[in-house]
Amino acid sequence: IVFMAPIIEELFRSATLALLHDIYKSKFYIRNIVQSLVFAALHILVYGVALGSLDKWIGVFGAVNAILGSLTTAFVFALISGYMMKRFNNITPSIISHLIVNFYLVTAGLIVVS
């Protein structure tokens, strides 16, 4: 989760931004919001539900706070990461920041690693 997920997720983000540009020719801020919504939804489904982290979050924060907090955090992080890709025209800064965030969450015990 700490090492592979950021690479895969940032490649997915980059592909999503490019696909939205190619298909819809939309402005960057619209593409970035859409990819952030998709990222947040998939993030809570995969890590929260499928891998069981949501149970841990609910135990610590309560159900509403856990779900809204997770969605909000993932959405804002995705916006920032998408902006970094555009700003630096490079995927590496977003991968590094994603690695740092995941490392913190795993060491803080907020991501369950099975």
C-alpha atoms as a PDB file:
ATOM      1  CA  ILE A   1       0.000   0.000   0.000  1.00  0.00           C
ATOM      2  CA  VAL A   2       2.795   2.415   0.802  1.00  0.00           C
ATOM      3  CA  PHE A   3       4.869   1.812  -2.330  1.00  0.00           C
ATOM      4  CA  MET A   4       2.805   0.271  -5.119  1.00  0.00           C
ATOM      5  CA  ALA A   5      -0.539   2.004  -4.556  1.00  0.00           C
ATOM      6  CA  PRO A   6       0.816   5.544  -5.115  1.00  0.00           C
ATOM      7  CA  ILE A   7       2.438   4.539  -8.394  1.00  0.00           C
ATOM      8  CA  ILE A   8      -0.661   2.749  -9.670  1.00  0.00           C
ATOM      9  CA  GLU A   9      -3.037   5.463  -8.447  1.00  0.00           C
ATOM     10  CA  GLU A  10      -0.995   8.313  -9.917  1.00  0.00           C
ATOM     11  CA  LEU A  11      -0.725   6.499 -13.249  1.00  0.00           C
ATOM     12  CA  PHE A  12      -4.515   6.086 -13.116  1.00  0.00           C
ATOM     13  CA  ARG A  13      -4.916   9.809 -12.335  1.00  0.00           C
ATOM     14  CA  SER A  14      -2.648  10.776 -15.221  1.00  0.00           C
ATOM     15  CA  ALA A  15      -4.524   8.490 -17.618  1.00  0.00           C
ATOM     16  CA  THR A  16      -7.893   9.802 -16.408  1.00  0.00           C
ATOM     17  CA  LEU A  17      -6.846  13.428 -16.915  1.00  0.00           C
ATOM     18  CA  ALA A  18      -5.520  12.635 -20.402  1.00  0.00           C
ATOM     19  CA  LEU A  19      -8.621  10.645 -21.348  1.00  0.00           C
ATOM     20  CA  LEU A  20     -10.957  13.415 -20.197  1.00  0.00           C
ATOM     21  CA  HIS A  21      -8.925  15.890 -22.226  1.00  0.00           C
ATOM     22  CA  ASP A  22      -8.950  13.725 -25.347  1.00  0.00           C
ATOM     23  CA  ILE A  23     -12.650  12.893 -25.196  1.00  0.00           C
ATOM     24  CA  TYR A  24     -14.228  16.085 -23.880  1.00  0.00           C
ATOM     25  CA  LYS A  25     -11.589  18.754 -24.562  1.00  0.00           C
ATOM     26  CA  SER A  26     -12.582  20.193 -21.193  1.00  0.00           C
ATOM     27  CA  LYS A  27     -10.662  22.772 -19.209  1.00  0.00           C
ATOM     28  CA  PHE A  28      -8.111  21.445 -16.747  1.00  0.00           C
ATOM     29  CA  TYR A  29     -10.019  22.476 -13.626  1.00  0.00           C
ATOM     30  CA  ILE A  30     -13.084  20.494 -14.766  1.00  0.00           C
ATOM     31  CA  ARG A  31     -10.960  17.433 -15.592  1.00  0.00           C
ATOM     32  CA  ASN A  32      -9.245  17.746 -12.229  1.00  0.00           C
ATOM     33  CA  ILE A  33     -12.538  17.905 -10.315  1.00  0.00           C
ATOM     34  CA  VAL A  34     -13.912  14.883 -12.188  1.00  0.00           C
ATOM     35  CA  GLN A  35     -10.790  12.776 -11.625  1.00  0.00           C
ATOM     36  CA  SER A  36     -10.816  13.809  -7.955  1.00  0.00           C
ATOM     37  CA  LEU A  37     -14.425  12.662  -7.530  1.00  0.00           C
ATOM     38  CA  VAL A  38     -13.606   9.332  -9.185  1.00  0.00           C
ATOM     39  CA  PHE A  39     -10.470   8.936  -7.071  1.00  0.00           C
ATOM     40  CA  ALA A  40     -12.324   9.654  -3.814  1.00  0.00           C
ATOM     41  CA  ALA A  41     -15.120   7.218  -4.640  1.00  0.00           C
ATOM     42  CA  LEU A  42     -12.777   4.424  -5.703  1.00  0.00           C
ATOM     43  CA  HIS A  43     -10.493   5.091  -2.754  1.00  0.00           C
ATOM     44  CA  ILE A  44     -13.202   4.573  -0.156  1.00  0.00           C
ATOM     45  CA  LEU A  45     -14.560   1.520  -1.981  1.00  0.00           C
ATOM     46  CA  VAL A  46     -11.198  -0.200  -2.350  1.00  0.00           C
ATOM     47  CA  TYR A  47      -9.408   0.768   0.856  1.00  0.00           C
ATOM     48  CA  GLY A  48     -12.332   1.533   3.095  1.00  0.00           C
ATOM     49  CA  VAL A  49     -14.733  -1.257   2.221  1.00  0.00           C
ATOM     50  CA  ALA A  50     -12.852  -4.009   0.353  1.00  0.00           C
ATOM     51  CA  LEU A  51      -9.690  -3.910   2.489  1.00  0.00           C
ATOM     52  CA  GLY A  52     -11.492  -3.178   5.757  1.00  0.00           C
ATOM     53  CA  SER A  53      -9.998   0.177   6.744  1.00  0.00           C
ATOM     54  CA  LEU A  54     -13.452   1.723   7.073  1.00  0.00           C
ATOM     55  CA  ASP A  55     -14.168  -0.416  10.144  1.00  0.00           C
ATOM     56  CA  LYS A  56     -11.023   0.965  11.798  1.00  0.00           C
ATOM     57  CA  TRP A  57     -11.964   4.547  10.880  1.00  0.00           C
ATOM     58  CA  ILE A  58     -15.516   4.117  12.193  1.00  0.00           C
ATOM     59  CA  GLY A  59     -14.135   2.777  15.461  1.00  0.00           C
ATOM     60  CA  VAL A  60     -11.911   5.832  15.851  1.00  0.00           C
ATOM     61  CA  PHE A  61     -13.999   8.644  14.361  1.00  0.00           C
ATOM     62  CA  GLY A  62     -17.607   7.397  14.162  1.00  0.00           C
ATOM     63  CA  ALA A  63     -19.399   6.427  10.949  1.00  0.00           C
ATOM     64  CA  VAL A  64     -20.306   9.839   9.526  1.00  0.00           C
ATOM     65  CA  ASN A  65     -16.952  11.433  10.331  1.00  0.00           C
ATOM     66  CA  ALA A  66     -15.066   8.428   8.993  1.00  0.00           C
ATOM     67  CA  ILE A  67     -16.875   8.365   5.665  1.00  0.00           C
ATOM     68  CA  LEU A  68     -17.019  12.131   5.091  1.00  0.00           C
ATOM     69  CA  GLY A  69     -13.469  12.596   6.332  1.00  0.00           C
ATOM     70  CA  SER A  70     -12.158   9.878   4.065  1.00  0.00           C
ATOM     71  CA  LEU A  71     -14.009  11.170   1.014  1.00  0.00           C
ATOM     72  CA  THR A  72     -12.997  14.780   1.670  1.00  0.00           C
ATOM     73  CA  THR A  73      -9.373  13.926   2.313  1.00  0.00           C
ATOM     74  CA  ALA A  74      -9.107  11.760  -0.807  1.00  0.00           C
ATOM     75  CA  PHE A  75     -10.870  14.401  -2.924  1.00  0.00           C
ATOM     76  CA  VAL A  76      -8.652  17.278  -1.755  1.00  0.00           C
ATOM     77  CA  PHE A  77      -5.497  15.185  -2.102  1.00  0.00           C
ATOM     78  CA  ALA A  78      -6.554  14.237  -5.648  1.00  0.00           C
ATOM     79  CA  LEU A  79      -7.118  17.904  -6.547  1.00  0.00           C
ATOM     80  CA  ILE A  80      -3.655  18.798  -5.270  1.00  0.00           C
ATOM     81  CA  SER A  81      -2.038  15.831  -6.963  1.00  0.00           C
ATOM     82  CA  GLY A  82      -3.729  16.616 -10.279  1.00  0.00           C
ATOM     83  CA  TYR A  83      -2.569  20.222  -9.995  1.00  0.00           C
ATOM     84  CA  MET A  84       0.998  19.060  -9.301  1.00  0.00           C
ATOM     85  CA  MET A  85       0.925  16.941 -12.463  1.00  0.00           C
ATOM     86  CA  LYS A  86      -0.121  19.944 -14.507  1.00  0.00           C
ATOM     87  CA  ARG A  87       2.205  22.392 -12.746  1.00  0.00           C
ATOM     88  CA  PHE A  88       5.342  20.251 -13.064  1.00  0.00           C
ATOM     89  CA  ASN A  89       4.297  18.390 -16.224  1.00  0.00           C
ATOM     90  CA  ASN A  90       5.635  15.308 -14.471  1.00  0.00           C
ATOM     91  CA  ILE A  91       4.111  12.465 -12.481  1.00  0.00           C
ATOM     92  CA  THR A  92       7.051  12.069 -10.062  1.00  0.00           C
ATOM     93  CA  PRO A  93       6.142  14.847  -7.556  1.00  0.00           C
ATOM     94  CA  SER A  94       2.640  13.462  -7.129  1.00  0.00           C
ATOM     95  CA  ILE A  95       3.976   9.924  -6.639  1.00  0.00           C
ATOM     96  CA  ILE A  96       6.427  11.138  -3.987  1.00  0.00           C
ATOM     97  CA  SER A  97       3.775  13.117  -2.118  1.00  0.00           C
ATOM     98  CA  HIS A  98       1.422  10.127  -2.308  1.00  0.00           C
ATOM     99  CA  LEU A  99       4.157   7.870  -0.893  1.00  0.00           C
ATOM    100  CA  ILE A 100       4.666  10.272   2.013  1.00  0.00           C
ATOM    101  CA  VAL A 101       0.942  10.488   2.793  1.00  0.00           C
ATOM    102  CA  ASN A 102       0.456   6.710   2.632  1.00  0.00           C
ATOM    103  CA  PHE A 103       3.520   6.109   4.797  1.00  0.00           C
ATOM    104  CA  TYR A 104       2.144   8.473   7.425  1.00  0.00           C
ATOM    105  CA  LEU A 105      -1.330   6.889   7.340  1.00  0.00           C
ATOM    106  CA  VAL A 106       0.059   3.364   7.655  1.00  0.00           C
ATOM    107  CA  THR A 107       2.405   4.277  10.513  1.00  0.00           C
ATOM    108  CA  ALA A 108      -0.405   6.179  12.249  1.00  0.00           C
ATOM    109  CA  GLY A 109      -2.528   3.051  11.974  1.00  0.00           C
ATOM    110  CA  LEU A 110      -5.232   4.705   9.869  1.00  0.00           C
ATOM    111  CA  ILE A 111      -4.761   2.305   6.965  1.00  0.00           C
ATOM    112  CA  VAL A 112      -5.158  -1.353   7.741  1.00  0.00           C
ATOM    113  CA  VAL A 113      -2.488  -3.469   6.062  1.00  0.00           C
ATOM    114  CA  SER A 114      -3.484  -7.134   5.948  1.00  0.00           C
END
